[in-house]
Amino acid sequence: MSAERFDWRGVVSRALFALFIVFAIYNPSGTSYVHWVLEGFDWFWVKLATGAALAAILGVMWRTTRGVLGRQGMLLVVAFCLGLGMTVLHLSGQRLLDGDTLLMGLLVCVSGVFTAGLCYSHLHHRLGGIAHTEDINK
């Protein structure tokens, strides 16, 4: 995708993709890959293939995020997510330890870190004209 064409739809699509992957792997509703695997050994090969695909996608997302943001960038996004989450909880009157609120907040925070990692390079190029590259030594 060209940096000139990257706009808010790119950010939203990457955010939805990150949310989908994180919540497909585990979510507290009971309909996730982890719950499906723990149900038993039926459909073993399908579960194995699905797990391999999810692991590959998660690995690419992790490597991209770590490479673009680095440790400090990821900590900054986590701090922003936690601050935003605490503000939303305070304004909505929810308590942090009610039910699955804490777990849902952490899962959304993880997907926020992945979203930032997937979008940062494009946004940085669009706003600052700085292109990120990766050198591969063979």
C-alpha atoms as a PDB file:
ATOM      1  CA  MET A   1       0.000   0.000   0.000  1.00  0.00           C
ATOM      2  CA  SER A   2       1.371   3.390  -0.964  1.00  0.00           C
ATOM      3  CA  ALA A   3       1.837   5.910   1.854  1.00  0.00           C
ATOM      4  CA  GLU A   4       0.005   8.597  -0.125  1.00  0.00           C
ATOM      5  CA  ARG A   5      -3.205   6.539  -0.053  1.00  0.00           C
ATOM      6  CA  PHE A   6      -3.078   5.671   3.665  1.00  0.00           C
ATOM      7  CA  ASP A   7      -5.908   7.368   5.568  1.00  0.00           C
ATOM      8  CA  TRP A   8      -8.207   6.743   8.519  1.00  0.00           C
ATOM      9  CA  ARG A   9      -9.747   3.694   6.839  1.00  0.00           C
ATOM     10  CA  GLY A  10      -6.328   2.021   6.956  1.00  0.00           C
ATOM     11  CA  VAL A  11      -6.068   2.678  10.685  1.00  0.00           C
ATOM     12  CA  VAL A  12      -9.600   1.396  11.330  1.00  0.00           C
ATOM     13  CA  SER A  13      -9.066  -1.742   9.239  1.00  0.00           C
ATOM     14  CA  ARG A  14      -5.797  -2.504  11.024  1.00  0.00           C
ATOM     15  CA  ALA A  15      -7.440  -1.897  14.416  1.00  0.00           C
ATOM     16  CA  LEU A  16     -10.311  -4.241  13.553  1.00  0.00           C
ATOM     17  CA  PHE A  17      -7.844  -6.855  12.297  1.00  0.00           C
ATOM     18  CA  ALA A  18      -5.804  -6.636  15.523  1.00  0.00           C
ATOM     19  CA  LEU A  19      -8.976  -6.880  17.637  1.00  0.00           C
ATOM     20  CA  PHE A  20     -10.160  -9.881  15.620  1.00  0.00           C
ATOM     21  CA  ILE A  21      -6.874 -11.785  16.014  1.00  0.00           C
ATOM     22  CA  VAL A  22      -6.490 -11.056  19.736  1.00  0.00           C
ATOM     23  CA  PHE A  23     -10.100 -11.939  20.550  1.00  0.00           C
ATOM     24  CA  ALA A  24     -10.064 -14.979  18.248  1.00  0.00           C
ATOM     25  CA  ILE A  25      -7.187 -16.426  20.248  1.00  0.00           C
ATOM     26  CA  TYR A  26      -8.799 -15.785  23.639  1.00  0.00           C
ATOM     27  CA  ASN A  27     -11.782 -13.897  24.993  1.00  0.00           C
ATOM     28  CA  PRO A  28     -13.808 -14.343  28.173  1.00  0.00           C
ATOM     29  CA  SER A  29     -17.066 -15.113  26.334  1.00  0.00           C
ATOM     30  CA  GLY A  30     -16.051 -18.751  25.842  1.00  0.00           C
ATOM     31  CA  THR A  31     -15.959 -18.653  22.033  1.00  0.00           C
ATOM     32  CA  SER A  32     -12.249 -18.464  21.257  1.00  0.00           C
ATOM     33  CA  TYR A  33      -9.523 -20.703  19.908  1.00  0.00           C
ATOM     34  CA  VAL A  34      -8.331 -21.561  23.416  1.00  0.00           C
ATOM     35  CA  HIS A  35     -11.826 -22.653  24.464  1.00  0.00           C
ATOM     36  CA  TRP A  36     -12.267 -24.641  21.246  1.00  0.00           C
ATOM     37  CA  VAL A  37      -9.004 -26.529  21.803  1.00  0.00           C
ATOM     38  CA  LEU A  38      -9.839 -27.282  25.433  1.00  0.00           C
ATOM     39  CA  GLU A  39     -13.176 -28.868  24.441  1.00  0.00           C
ATOM     40  CA  GLY A  40     -11.497 -32.103  23.387  1.00  0.00           C
ATOM     41  CA  PHE A  41      -9.580 -33.929  20.670  1.00  0.00           C
ATOM     42  CA  ASP A  42     -12.244 -33.987  17.986  1.00  0.00           C
ATOM     43  CA  TRP A  43     -11.300 -32.090  14.808  1.00  0.00           C
ATOM     44  CA  PHE A  44      -7.649 -32.331  15.875  1.00  0.00           C
ATOM     45  CA  TRP A  45      -6.103 -31.513  12.488  1.00  0.00           C
ATOM     46  CA  VAL A  46      -8.413 -28.550  11.896  1.00  0.00           C
ATOM     47  CA  LYS A  47      -7.581 -27.205  15.350  1.00  0.00           C
ATOM     48  CA  LEU A  48      -3.882 -27.701  14.683  1.00  0.00           C
ATOM     49  CA  ALA A  49      -4.053 -25.916  11.311  1.00  0.00           C
ATOM     50  CA  THR A  50      -6.089 -23.070  12.771  1.00  0.00           C
ATOM     51  CA  GLY A  51      -3.621 -22.724  15.641  1.00  0.00           C
ATOM     52  CA  ALA A  52      -0.700 -22.667  13.231  1.00  0.00           C
ATOM     53  CA  ALA A  53      -2.375 -19.947  11.146  1.00  0.00           C
ATOM     54  CA  LEU A  54      -3.168 -17.871  14.250  1.00  0.00           C
ATOM     55  CA  ALA A  55       0.393 -18.341  15.538  1.00  0.00           C
ATOM     56  CA  ALA A  56       1.850 -17.247  12.195  1.00  0.00           C
ATOM     57  CA  ILE A  57      -0.343 -14.140  12.044  1.00  0.00           C
ATOM     58  CA  LEU A  58       0.411 -13.305  15.674  1.00  0.00           C
ATOM     59  CA  GLY A  59       4.131 -13.784  15.028  1.00  0.00           C
ATOM     60  CA  VAL A  60       4.083 -11.402  12.069  1.00  0.00           C
ATOM     61  CA  MET A  61       2.130  -8.835  14.060  1.00  0.00           C
ATOM     62  CA  TRP A  62       4.514  -9.161  17.020  1.00  0.00           C
ATOM     63  CA  ARG A  63       7.643  -8.874  14.882  1.00  0.00           C
ATOM     64  CA  THR A  64       6.261  -5.863  13.021  1.00  0.00           C
ATOM     65  CA  THR A  65       5.201  -4.128  16.228  1.00  0.00           C
ATOM     66  CA  ARG A  66       8.473  -4.836  18.001  1.00  0.00           C
ATOM     67  CA  GLY A  67      10.497  -3.709  14.998  1.00  0.00           C
ATOM     68  CA  VAL A  68       8.604  -0.482  14.417  1.00  0.00           C
ATOM     69  CA  LEU A  69       7.820   0.670  17.953  1.00  0.00           C
ATOM     70  CA  GLY A  70      10.545  -0.950  20.011  1.00  0.00           C
ATOM     71  CA  ARG A  71      10.257  -1.537  23.743  1.00  0.00           C
ATOM     72  CA  GLN A  72       9.813   2.123  24.666  1.00  0.00           C
ATOM     73  CA  GLY A  73       7.148   2.668  22.022  1.00  0.00           C
ATOM     74  CA  MET A  74       5.180  -0.361  23.153  1.00  0.00           C
ATOM     75  CA  LEU A  75       5.361   0.834  26.780  1.00  0.00           C
ATOM     76  CA  LEU A  76       4.164   4.267  25.682  1.00  0.00           C
ATOM     77  CA  VAL A  77       1.166   2.754  23.864  1.00  0.00           C
ATOM     78  CA  VAL A  78       0.381   0.577  26.912  1.00  0.00           C
ATOM     79  CA  ALA A  79       0.523   3.649  29.164  1.00  0.00           C
ATOM     80  CA  PHE A  80      -1.785   5.532  26.783  1.00  0.00           C
ATOM     81  CA  CYS A  81      -4.223   2.588  26.632  1.00  0.00           C
ATOM     82  CA  LEU A  82      -4.260   2.229  30.407  1.00  0.00           C
ATOM     83  CA  GLY A  83      -4.840   5.946  30.886  1.00  0.00           C
ATOM     84  CA  LEU A  84      -7.615   5.987  28.320  1.00  0.00           C
ATOM     85  CA  GLY A  85      -9.157   2.835  29.788  1.00  0.00           C
ATOM     86  CA  MET A  86      -9.128   4.199  33.327  1.00  0.00           C
ATOM     87  CA  THR A  87     -10.716   7.440  32.102  1.00  0.00           C
ATOM     88  CA  VAL A  88     -13.480   5.543  30.283  1.00  0.00           C
ATOM     89  CA  LEU A  89     -14.095   3.344  33.340  1.00  0.00           C
ATOM     90  CA  HIS A  90     -14.270   6.381  35.594  1.00  0.00           C
ATOM     91  CA  LEU A  91     -16.640   8.280  33.315  1.00  0.00           C
ATOM     92  CA  SER A  92     -18.882   5.250  32.780  1.00  0.00           C
ATOM     93  CA  GLY A  93     -19.079   4.393  36.470  1.00  0.00           C
ATOM     94  CA  GLN A  94     -17.736   0.851  35.969  1.00  0.00           C
ATOM     95  CA  ARG A  95     -15.419  -0.739  38.496  1.00  0.00           C
ATOM     96  CA  LEU A  96     -12.122  -2.158  37.305  1.00  0.00           C
ATOM     97  CA  LEU A  97     -12.477  -5.498  39.063  1.00  0.00           C
ATOM     98  CA  ASP A  98     -16.102  -6.220  38.071  1.00  0.00           C
ATOM     99  CA  GLY A  99     -16.439  -9.483  36.137  1.00  0.00           C
ATOM    100  CA  ASP A 100     -14.263  -9.621  33.074  1.00  0.00           C
ATOM    101  CA  THR A 101     -13.663  -5.867  32.828  1.00  0.00           C
ATOM    102  CA  LEU A 102      -9.967  -6.140  33.641  1.00  0.00           C
ATOM    103  CA  LEU A 103      -9.386  -8.984  31.178  1.00  0.00           C
ATOM    104  CA  MET A 104     -11.283  -7.209  28.403  1.00  0.00           C
ATOM    105  CA  GLY A 105      -9.283  -4.052  29.050  1.00  0.00           C
ATOM    106  CA  LEU A 106      -6.012  -5.948  28.823  1.00  0.00           C
ATOM    107  CA  LEU A 107      -7.056  -7.643  25.571  1.00  0.00           C
ATOM    108  CA  VAL A 108      -8.062  -4.304  24.061  1.00  0.00           C
ATOM    109  CA  CYS A 109      -4.740  -2.857  25.242  1.00  0.00           C
ATOM    110  CA  VAL A 110      -2.832  -5.679  23.501  1.00  0.00           C
ATOM    111  CA  SER A 111      -4.773  -5.071  20.308  1.00  0.00           C
ATOM    112  CA  GLY A 112      -4.067  -1.339  20.677  1.00  0.00           C
ATOM    113  CA  VAL A 113      -0.341  -2.065  20.807  1.00  0.00           C
ATOM    114  CA  PHE A 114      -0.627  -4.214  17.685  1.00  0.00           C
ATOM    115  CA  THR A 115      -2.664  -1.521  15.941  1.00  0.00           C
ATOM    116  CA  ALA A 116      -0.049   1.106  16.746  1.00  0.00           C
ATOM    117  CA  GLY A 117       2.686  -1.199  15.491  1.00  0.00           C
ATOM    118  CA  LEU A 118       0.859  -1.927  12.248  1.00  0.00           C
ATOM    119  CA  CYS A 119      -0.007   1.744  11.588  1.00  0.00           C
ATOM    120  CA  TYR A 120       2.976   3.704  12.912  1.00  0.00           C
ATOM    121  CA  SER A 121       5.273   3.301   9.946  1.00  0.00           C
ATOM    122  CA  HIS A 122       2.598   4.421   7.481  1.00  0.00           C
ATOM    123  CA  LEU A 123       1.493   7.365   9.603  1.00  0.00           C
ATOM    124  CA  HIS A 124       5.078   8.448  10.262  1.00  0.00           C
ATOM    125  CA  HIS A 125       5.807   8.422   6.531  1.00  0.00           C
ATOM    126  CA  ARG A 126       2.598  10.280   5.743  1.00  0.00           C
ATOM    127  CA  LEU A 127       3.055  12.954   8.416  1.00  0.00           C
ATOM    128  CA  GLY A 128       6.823  13.333   8.478  1.00  0.00           C
ATOM    129  CA  GLY A 129       8.020  11.973   5.176  1.00  0.00           C
ATOM    130  CA  ILE A 130      10.239   9.444   6.951  1.00  0.00           C
ATOM    131  CA  ALA A 131      10.242   5.949   5.484  1.00  0.00           C
ATOM    132  CA  HIS A 132      10.996   2.874   7.606  1.00  0.00           C
ATOM    133  CA  THR A 133      12.917   0.029   6.059  1.00  0.00           C
ATOM    134  CA  GLU A 134      14.190  -3.291   7.295  1.00  0.00           C
ATOM    135  CA  ASP A 135      17.641  -4.527   6.340  1.00  0.00           C
ATOM    136  CA  ILE A 136      17.854  -8.247   5.779  1.00  0.00           C
ATOM    137  CA  ASN A 137      21.319  -9.741   5.947  1.00  0.00           C
ATOM    138  CA  LYS A 138      21.819 -13.085   4.275  1.00  0.00           C
END
